[in-house]
Amino acid sequence: MVAPTERLPTLRGRQTQAALDAAARTVVARKGILATTVADIAAEAGKSTASFYNYYDSKEAMVRQWAVHFRDEARERATSATAPDLDSHERVHRAVAAHWHSYRHRLAEMIGVSQLAMINDDFAKYWSDICEPPTAMITSMVKEAQREGFSISDDPHLVAVAMVSMLNQFCYVQLSGAGGAAASVDDDACITTLTNVCYRTIYDKGAARG
């Protein structure tokens, strides 16, 4: 069976699909994928609802295509924090900045995949794949910090899962919503705040508690 996106390889077809994708990203960032309808996407793009189905079988199929393309990009962004000769604070800063910029530049993908992951096993796997690189990186950071005497009572993987969950929720709250919320957000302030929170968490010399 020929996929919908293979039926219209013309320039006009690609332009129409790009317009639908751009519209979908706008609507999903504003409303979330679960509340978004194909009619919402078509109206935002100024196209007919029928035109959407020339390219995608459903809104879920659209987000699935986004997710597949996005996974590799997310992994590439995360590697900036693994460069050699970084001090601990700069490593944390780069990891946080990579996460923030992934969320900002791929807001619809992050919202769409994370929300569909709650109700669909395929998307749960995509979401796990997206979260795995930062989780693995932070786990490694905590283990390295423990060798230096920090966070000695903590489980490195659980710390990483908690921190990635916090990063995701913070980015969602700051960047999503109506009224062009993302445009008014101060990137530097948010990255600095997250860096400080994450750095203090990893490089804690407090007494063991629990």
Protein backbone atom coordinates (compact mmCIF):
# COMPACT_ATOMS: atom_id res chain seq x y z
CA MET A 1 0.00 0.00 0.00
CA VAL A 2 1.32 3.45 -0.91
CA ALA A 3 1.48 5.85 2.02
CA PRO A 4 -0.54 9.09 1.68
CA THR A 5 2.63 11.19 1.67
CA GLU A 6 3.86 9.27 -1.38
CA ARG A 7 0.82 10.06 -3.55
CA LEU A 8 1.48 13.77 -3.99
CA PRO A 9 5.23 14.34 -4.44
CA THR A 10 4.69 17.58 -6.34
CA LEU A 11 5.95 20.96 -5.17
CA ARG A 12 2.41 22.09 -4.50
CA GLY A 13 1.74 18.93 -2.53
CA ARG A 14 4.84 19.43 -0.39
CA GLN A 15 3.85 23.05 0.23
CA THR A 16 0.37 22.00 1.32
CA GLN A 17 1.76 19.37 3.67
CA ALA A 18 4.20 21.91 5.12
CA ALA A 19 1.32 24.32 5.70
CA LEU A 20 -0.69 21.62 7.46
CA ASP A 21 2.29 20.63 9.59
CA ALA A 22 2.94 24.24 10.59
CA ALA A 23 -0.72 24.73 11.44
CA ALA A 24 -0.80 21.51 13.43
CA ARG A 25 2.24 22.56 15.44
CA THR A 26 0.57 25.86 16.29
CA VAL A 27 -2.68 24.24 17.38
CA VAL A 28 -1.04 21.38 19.30
CA ALA A 29 1.22 23.81 21.18
CA ARG A 30 -1.87 25.85 22.11
CA LYS A 31 -4.42 23.12 22.88
CA GLY A 32 -2.50 19.87 23.26
CA ILE A 33 -2.89 16.92 20.92
CA LEU A 34 -5.81 15.31 22.75
CA ALA A 35 -8.00 18.39 22.38
CA THR A 36 -6.90 19.10 18.80
CA THR A 37 -9.06 17.89 15.93
CA VAL A 38 -8.24 17.49 12.26
CA ALA A 39 -10.79 20.24 11.60
CA ASP A 40 -8.81 22.56 13.93
CA ILE A 41 -5.63 21.87 11.97
CA ALA A 42 -7.27 22.37 8.59
CA ALA A 43 -8.90 25.62 9.69
CA GLU A 44 -5.59 26.97 11.04
CA ALA A 45 -3.94 26.14 7.70
CA GLY A 46 -6.79 27.55 5.63
CA LYS A 47 -7.30 24.16 3.99
CA SER A 48 -10.16 21.72 3.78
CA THR A 49 -10.38 18.86 6.24
CA ALA A 50 -10.23 16.46 3.30
CA SER A 51 -6.83 17.83 2.28
CA PHE A 52 -5.37 16.66 5.59
CA TYR A 53 -6.17 13.07 4.71
CA ASN A 54 -4.12 13.31 1.52
CA TYR A 55 -1.07 13.28 3.79
CA TYR A 56 -2.02 11.57 7.04
CA ASP A 57 -4.49 8.89 8.04
CA SER A 58 -5.07 10.62 11.38
CA LYS A 59 -3.62 13.22 13.73
CA GLU A 60 -1.89 10.34 15.54
CA ALA A 61 -0.19 9.29 12.29
CA MET A 62 1.02 12.86 11.84
CA VAL A 63 2.56 12.99 15.32
CA ARG A 64 4.08 9.54 14.79
CA GLN A 65 5.92 10.85 11.73
CA TRP A 66 7.11 13.87 13.71
CA ALA A 67 8.33 11.63 16.53
CA VAL A 68 10.40 9.39 14.28
CA HIS A 69 12.20 12.40 12.80
CA PHE A 70 12.64 14.05 16.19
CA ARG A 71 14.27 11.17 18.09
CA ASP A 72 17.64 11.49 16.38
CA GLU A 73 17.62 15.28 16.74
CA ALA A 74 17.02 14.99 20.48
CA ARG A 75 19.94 12.60 20.81
CA GLU A 76 22.23 14.93 18.88
CA ARG A 77 21.33 17.91 21.07
CA ALA A 78 22.13 15.90 24.20
CA THR A 79 25.70 15.13 23.08
CA SER A 80 26.78 18.75 23.63
CA ALA A 81 27.05 18.04 27.35
CA THR A 82 29.38 15.08 26.84
CA ALA A 83 32.27 17.09 25.38
CA PRO A 84 35.58 16.49 27.20
CA ASP A 85 37.21 19.00 29.54
CA LEU A 86 33.98 20.62 30.73
CA ASP A 87 33.75 21.54 34.39
CA SER A 88 30.79 20.19 36.33
CA HIS A 89 28.72 23.37 36.21
CA GLU A 90 29.18 23.83 32.46
CA ARG A 91 28.27 20.19 31.85
CA VAL A 92 25.02 20.62 33.76
CA HIS A 93 24.36 23.91 31.98
CA ARG A 94 24.81 22.33 28.55
CA ALA A 95 22.57 19.38 29.42
CA VAL A 96 19.82 21.71 30.64
CA ALA A 97 20.19 24.05 27.65
CA ALA A 98 19.95 21.11 25.23
CA HIS A 99 16.75 19.95 26.89
CA TRP A 100 15.24 23.44 26.95
CA HIS A 101 16.03 24.14 23.29
CA SER A 102 14.69 20.74 22.22
CA TYR A 103 11.43 21.54 23.96
CA ARG A 104 11.25 25.09 22.60
CA HIS A 105 12.05 24.20 18.98
CA ARG A 106 10.02 20.99 18.97
CA LEU A 107 7.22 22.04 21.30
CA ALA A 108 4.40 20.37 19.35
CA GLU A 109 6.35 17.11 19.10
CA MET A 110 7.09 17.09 22.83
CA ILE A 111 3.50 17.88 23.78
CA GLY A 112 1.99 15.54 21.19
CA VAL A 113 4.16 12.53 21.98
CA SER A 114 4.00 12.97 25.77
CA GLN A 115 0.21 13.26 25.79
CA LEU A 116 -0.36 10.36 23.40
CA ALA A 117 2.06 8.27 25.47
CA MET A 118 -0.57 8.25 28.21
CA ILE A 119 -3.03 6.31 26.05
CA ASN A 120 -0.98 4.54 23.36
CA ASP A 121 1.81 1.98 23.77
CA ASP A 122 3.60 3.02 20.56
CA PHE A 123 3.82 6.61 21.72
CA ALA A 124 4.88 5.49 25.19
CA LYS A 125 7.88 3.87 23.47
CA TYR A 126 8.60 7.04 21.46
CA TRP A 127 8.45 9.11 24.64
CA SER A 128 10.76 6.69 26.40
CA ASP A 129 13.21 6.95 23.49
CA ILE A 130 13.13 10.77 23.66
CA CYS A 131 13.70 10.82 27.44
CA GLU A 132 16.39 8.10 27.46
CA PRO A 133 19.38 10.24 26.35
CA PRO A 134 18.99 12.97 29.00
CA THR A 135 18.19 10.34 31.64
CA ALA A 136 21.31 8.35 30.78
CA MET A 137 23.43 11.49 30.70
CA ILE A 138 22.23 12.73 34.10
CA THR A 139 22.66 9.25 35.58
CA SER A 140 26.28 9.36 34.44
CA MET A 141 26.71 12.87 35.92
CA VAL A 142 25.41 11.73 39.30
CA LYS A 143 27.71 8.70 39.32
CA GLU A 144 30.67 10.94 38.53
CA ALA A 145 29.62 13.37 41.26
CA GLN A 146 29.37 10.49 43.74
CA ARG A 147 32.98 9.56 42.99
CA GLU A 148 33.83 13.10 44.14
CA GLY A 149 31.82 12.75 47.34
CA PHE A 150 28.52 14.37 46.29
CA SER A 151 24.98 12.91 46.41
CA ILE A 152 26.38 9.83 48.10
CA SER A 153 23.03 8.58 49.41
CA ASP A 154 21.12 8.92 46.14
CA ASP A 155 20.19 6.40 43.47
CA PRO A 156 21.71 7.92 40.29
CA HIS A 157 19.01 6.60 37.96
CA LEU A 158 16.16 7.76 40.18
CA VAL A 159 17.73 11.20 40.48
CA ALA A 160 17.96 11.34 36.68
CA VAL A 161 14.34 10.26 36.18
CA ALA A 162 13.17 12.86 38.71
CA MET A 163 15.21 15.60 37.08
CA VAL A 164 14.10 14.81 33.52
CA SER A 165 10.49 14.73 34.71
CA MET A 166 10.98 18.14 36.33
CA LEU A 167 12.64 19.52 33.19
CA ASN A 168 9.79 18.30 31.00
CA GLN A 169 7.08 19.74 33.23
CA PHE A 170 8.88 23.07 33.67
CA CYS A 171 9.35 23.42 29.90
CA TYR A 172 5.72 22.51 29.27
CA VAL A 173 4.39 25.04 31.78
CA GLN A 174 6.63 27.83 30.50
CA LEU A 175 6.29 27.28 26.76
CA SER A 176 2.81 25.91 26.08
CA GLY A 177 -0.57 27.58 26.04
CA ALA A 178 -2.48 30.24 24.18
CA GLY A 179 -1.51 33.78 23.39
CA GLY A 180 1.99 33.12 22.11
CA ALA A 181 3.26 32.18 25.56
CA ALA A 182 6.55 30.79 24.26
CA ALA A 183 7.50 34.05 22.54
CA SER A 184 7.53 35.99 25.82
CA VAL A 185 9.63 33.50 27.79
CA ASP A 186 13.19 34.50 28.72
CA ASP A 187 15.32 31.56 27.58
CA ASP A 188 18.42 32.60 29.51
CA ALA A 189 16.53 33.06 32.77
CA CYS A 190 14.83 29.69 32.46
CA ILE A 191 18.05 27.87 31.57
CA THR A 192 19.90 29.56 34.43
CA THR A 193 17.17 28.63 36.91
CA LEU A 194 17.09 25.01 35.77
CA THR A 195 20.89 24.80 35.77
CA ASN A 196 21.05 26.04 39.36
CA VAL A 197 18.37 23.62 40.54
CA CYS A 198 19.97 20.65 38.78
CA TYR A 199 23.50 21.55 39.84
CA ARG A 200 22.54 21.90 43.49
CA THR A 201 20.69 18.57 43.33
CA ILE A 202 23.63 16.65 41.86
CA TYR A 203 26.40 18.39 43.80
CA ASP A 204 24.80 18.12 47.22
CA LYS A 205 27.06 17.27 50.16
CA GLY A 206 24.26 17.10 52.69
CA ALA A 207 24.00 14.25 55.14
CA ALA A 208 22.21 11.12 54.01
CA ARG A 209 18.46 11.30 54.59
CA GLY A 210 15.72 8.76 54.24
